[in-house]
Amino acid sequence: MSKNVTKLNFEDEYFEDSHATQIQRWVENRYDEFVETSYFESLDENSKENTKFILNVFFDYCYSYFLVSPDRIRNDMIEEIMLDLFPRKVSADKETFVAFELVVISFLLWCQESNLIESVDNICSTIKLLSTKMIERSQDSSSWGIAKSFFFGQSPEIDLNEFNMQHFMPVKRETPKIGRNNACPCGSGKKYKKCCGAN
């Protein structure tokens, strides 16, 4: 691991692109270091395959929804991420949700050991406590958002077989559109807006 890794320790009032980018780079760099550790090696194959995706989404949600950097994550955020955001928004197979607990806990413990994030014990306990419930919600289509429902073809609101796409198709004109300042096609010599287009 690189010696002079700066901790990300901020909490914003408003979303800042620069902080979101900073967190994204931080996760990418830490992931590259994490895969070289015994923490990563101890993960099962499913968890290893899903690690990068889970970490990117997890830390993105921490900032996008709570405006906090990795060192400011709190238990109440973990609960909302695991019981609402992940099951509702993440379009992934069950194995990804099963891997969540092991991946995030292993990564947080490694971060704590590496002095990147302080005191993760309570957060890890909360993750363990909520993991089964998150997996159940991730498989329950009534917990899914509209995008995830569409992704899995489970949207109860719209029957795609009966859906009339013409509502969304552009209208094609038979004749070219007449500009407001063009001469009126009736032949009066007036501008269209002062003649037939006045109504």
Protein backbone atom coordinates (compact mmCIF):
# COMPACT_ATOMS: atom_id res chain seq x y z
CA MET A 1 0.00 0.00 0.00
CA SER A 2 1.21 3.51 -0.74
CA LYS A 3 2.54 5.30 2.32
CA ASN A 4 1.01 8.77 1.90
CA VAL A 5 -2.61 7.99 1.20
CA THR A 6 -4.79 10.85 2.33
CA LYS A 7 -7.94 10.07 4.21
CA LEU A 8 -11.16 11.37 2.75
CA ASN A 9 -12.89 13.01 5.65
CA PHE A 10 -15.57 15.50 4.70
CA GLU A 11 -19.30 16.03 4.92
CA ASP A 12 -20.85 18.40 2.40
CA GLU A 13 -23.97 20.51 2.56
CA TYR A 14 -24.45 20.27 -1.21
CA PHE A 15 -23.33 17.78 -3.83
CA GLU A 16 -19.95 18.69 -5.32
CA ASP A 17 -18.74 17.04 -8.52
CA SER A 18 -15.13 17.42 -7.42
CA HIS A 19 -15.77 15.48 -4.21
CA ALA A 20 -17.70 12.77 -6.07
CA THR A 21 -14.77 12.40 -8.48
CA GLN A 22 -12.30 12.38 -5.59
CA ILE A 23 -14.23 9.54 -3.91
CA GLN A 24 -14.46 7.61 -7.18
CA ARG A 25 -10.67 7.84 -7.64
CA TRP A 26 -10.12 6.94 -3.98
CA VAL A 27 -12.23 3.78 -4.36
CA GLU A 28 -10.45 2.79 -7.59
CA ASN A 29 -7.02 3.23 -6.00
CA ARG A 30 -7.96 1.46 -2.79
CA TYR A 31 -9.52 -1.39 -4.79
CA ASP A 32 -6.22 -1.88 -6.65
CA GLU A 33 -4.44 -2.13 -3.29
CA PHE A 34 -7.16 -4.24 -1.66
CA VAL A 35 -6.96 -7.03 -4.27
CA GLU A 36 -3.33 -7.61 -3.22
CA THR A 37 -4.26 -8.28 0.42
CA SER A 38 -5.10 -11.37 2.44
CA TYR A 39 -8.53 -9.79 3.09
CA PHE A 40 -9.33 -10.05 -0.61
CA GLU A 41 -7.75 -13.50 -0.93
CA SER A 42 -10.01 -14.81 1.84
CA LEU A 43 -13.15 -13.91 -0.17
CA ASP A 44 -15.00 -16.62 -2.09
CA GLU A 45 -15.00 -16.43 -5.90
CA ASN A 46 -18.46 -14.84 -6.10
CA SER A 47 -17.42 -12.09 -3.70
CA LYS A 48 -14.17 -11.47 -5.58
CA GLU A 49 -16.05 -11.13 -8.87
CA ASN A 50 -18.46 -8.62 -7.36
CA THR A 51 -16.03 -6.60 -5.23
CA LYS A 52 -15.30 -3.72 -7.58
CA PHE A 53 -18.97 -3.22 -8.48
CA ILE A 54 -20.18 -3.38 -4.86
CA LEU A 55 -17.52 -0.96 -3.58
CA ASN A 56 -18.13 1.55 -6.37
CA VAL A 57 -21.89 1.57 -5.82
CA PHE A 58 -21.63 1.55 -2.02
CA PHE A 59 -19.31 4.55 -1.77
CA ASP A 60 -21.14 6.35 -4.58
CA TYR A 61 -24.40 6.04 -2.61
CA CYS A 62 -22.67 7.21 0.58
CA TYR A 63 -21.76 10.44 -1.16
CA SER A 64 -24.68 10.87 -3.59
CA TYR A 65 -27.36 10.36 -0.93
CA PHE A 66 -25.62 11.41 2.30
CA LEU A 67 -22.83 13.74 1.07
CA VAL A 68 -20.17 12.03 3.15
CA SER A 69 -16.70 10.74 2.41
CA PRO A 70 -15.68 7.19 3.37
CA ASP A 71 -14.40 8.21 6.81
CA ARG A 72 -17.79 9.75 7.74
CA ILE A 73 -20.07 6.77 7.12
CA ARG A 74 -22.61 6.20 9.92
CA ASN A 75 -24.89 3.33 10.91
CA ASP A 76 -28.09 5.12 9.88
CA MET A 77 -26.68 5.45 6.35
CA ILE A 78 -25.83 1.74 6.25
CA GLU A 79 -29.41 0.89 7.13
CA GLU A 80 -30.87 3.06 4.37
CA ILE A 81 -28.33 1.84 1.81
CA MET A 82 -28.90 -1.82 2.63
CA LEU A 83 -32.66 -1.86 3.19
CA ASP A 84 -33.74 0.72 0.63
CA LEU A 85 -31.20 1.90 -1.94
CA PHE A 86 -29.43 -1.34 -2.85
CA PRO A 87 -32.58 -3.53 -3.06
CA ARG A 88 -34.56 -0.82 -4.87
CA LYS A 89 -31.97 0.47 -7.32
CA VAL A 90 -29.27 -2.12 -7.97
CA SER A 91 -30.14 -4.35 -10.92
CA ALA A 92 -28.00 -7.37 -10.16
CA ASP A 93 -28.43 -11.06 -9.51
CA LYS A 94 -28.92 -12.51 -6.03
CA GLU A 95 -25.23 -13.50 -5.79
CA THR A 96 -24.22 -9.83 -5.84
CA PHE A 97 -26.40 -9.12 -2.81
CA VAL A 98 -25.10 -12.25 -1.07
CA ALA A 99 -21.53 -11.00 -1.62
CA PHE A 100 -22.27 -7.53 -0.21
CA GLU A 101 -21.72 -8.37 3.47
CA LEU A 102 -18.40 -10.13 3.05
CA VAL A 103 -17.03 -7.64 0.51
CA VAL A 104 -17.88 -4.45 2.39
CA ILE A 105 -16.87 -5.78 5.81
CA SER A 106 -13.55 -7.13 4.50
CA PHE A 107 -12.83 -3.86 2.72
CA LEU A 108 -13.73 -1.72 5.76
CA LEU A 109 -11.60 -3.84 8.10
CA TRP A 110 -8.67 -3.54 5.71
CA CYS A 111 -9.22 0.23 5.51
CA GLN A 112 -9.24 0.44 9.30
CA GLU A 113 -6.05 -1.63 9.56
CA SER A 114 -4.46 0.63 6.91
CA ASN A 115 -5.56 3.81 8.78
CA LEU A 116 -7.79 4.90 5.91
CA ILE A 117 -11.05 4.74 7.85
CA GLU A 118 -11.39 4.86 11.62
CA SER A 119 -13.56 2.69 13.82
CA VAL A 120 -15.61 0.44 11.56
CA ASP A 121 -16.71 -2.11 14.18
CA ASN A 122 -20.24 -0.72 14.66
CA ILE A 123 -20.73 -0.37 10.91
CA CYS A 124 -19.60 -3.96 10.34
CA SER A 125 -21.99 -5.19 13.03
CA THR A 126 -24.85 -3.32 11.38
CA ILE A 127 -23.97 -4.81 7.98
CA LYS A 128 -24.01 -8.33 9.48
CA LEU A 129 -27.34 -7.65 11.16
CA LEU A 130 -29.06 -6.36 8.00
CA SER A 131 -27.55 -8.63 5.36
CA THR A 132 -30.27 -11.31 5.25
CA LYS A 133 -33.03 -8.71 5.12
CA MET A 134 -31.28 -6.87 2.27
CA ILE A 135 -30.98 -10.10 0.27
CA GLU A 136 -34.69 -10.82 0.80
CA ARG A 137 -35.70 -7.31 -0.30
CA SER A 138 -33.43 -7.48 -3.33
CA GLN A 139 -35.43 -10.47 -4.57
CA ASP A 140 -38.88 -9.02 -3.77
CA SER A 141 -40.15 -7.14 -6.83
CA SER A 142 -42.42 -4.98 -4.63
CA SER A 143 -39.22 -3.42 -3.20
CA TRP A 144 -37.83 -2.54 -6.63
CA GLY A 145 -37.78 0.87 -8.23
CA ILE A 146 -39.23 1.42 -11.70
CA ALA A 147 -35.87 1.15 -13.51
CA LYS A 148 -35.01 -2.15 -11.81
CA SER A 149 -38.53 -3.44 -12.50
CA PHE A 150 -38.12 -2.65 -16.19
CA PHE A 151 -34.66 -4.20 -16.22
CA PHE A 152 -36.05 -7.47 -14.89
CA GLY A 153 -39.31 -7.19 -16.85
CA GLN A 154 -41.40 -7.00 -13.69
CA SER A 155 -43.17 -3.65 -14.01
CA PRO A 156 -46.76 -4.11 -12.83
CA GLU A 157 -47.82 -0.62 -13.91
CA ILE A 158 -47.36 -1.11 -17.67
CA ASP A 159 -48.05 -4.12 -19.83
CA LEU A 160 -45.40 -3.78 -22.53
CA ASN A 161 -47.41 -6.02 -24.89
CA GLU A 162 -50.34 -3.60 -24.85
CA PHE A 163 -48.32 -0.41 -24.52
CA ASN A 164 -48.95 2.01 -27.39
CA MET A 165 -45.56 3.36 -28.45
CA GLN A 166 -47.23 5.91 -30.76
CA HIS A 167 -47.59 8.20 -27.72
CA PHE A 168 -43.82 8.59 -27.78
CA MET A 169 -43.21 8.65 -31.54
CA PRO A 170 -42.45 12.00 -33.19
CA VAL A 171 -45.18 13.43 -35.40
CA LYS A 172 -44.21 13.66 -39.07
CA ARG A 173 -45.67 16.60 -40.94
CA GLU A 174 -47.06 16.20 -44.45
CA THR A 175 -46.02 19.74 -45.34
CA PRO A 176 -43.08 21.77 -44.04
CA LYS A 177 -43.68 23.86 -40.92
CA ILE A 178 -44.51 27.49 -41.60
CA GLY A 179 -42.36 29.93 -39.63
CA ARG A 180 -44.14 32.77 -37.80
CA ASN A 181 -42.27 35.38 -39.82
CA ASN A 182 -42.71 33.66 -43.20
CA ALA A 183 -45.23 34.90 -45.76
CA CYS A 184 -48.68 33.45 -45.16
CA PRO A 185 -49.45 30.57 -47.60
CA CYS A 186 -52.96 32.01 -48.22
CA GLY A 187 -51.37 34.61 -50.52
CA SER A 188 -52.39 37.73 -48.56
CA GLY A 189 -48.82 39.03 -48.52
CA LYS A 190 -48.88 39.36 -44.71
CA LYS A 191 -46.63 37.50 -42.29
CA TYR A 192 -48.11 34.21 -41.14
CA LYS A 193 -48.25 35.42 -37.49
CA LYS A 194 -50.37 38.45 -38.54
CA CYS A 195 -52.67 36.47 -40.82
CA CYS A 196 -53.74 32.79 -40.62
CA GLY A 197 -51.36 32.07 -37.73
CA ALA A 198 -52.87 34.76 -35.49
CA ASN A 199 -55.36 32.32 -33.97
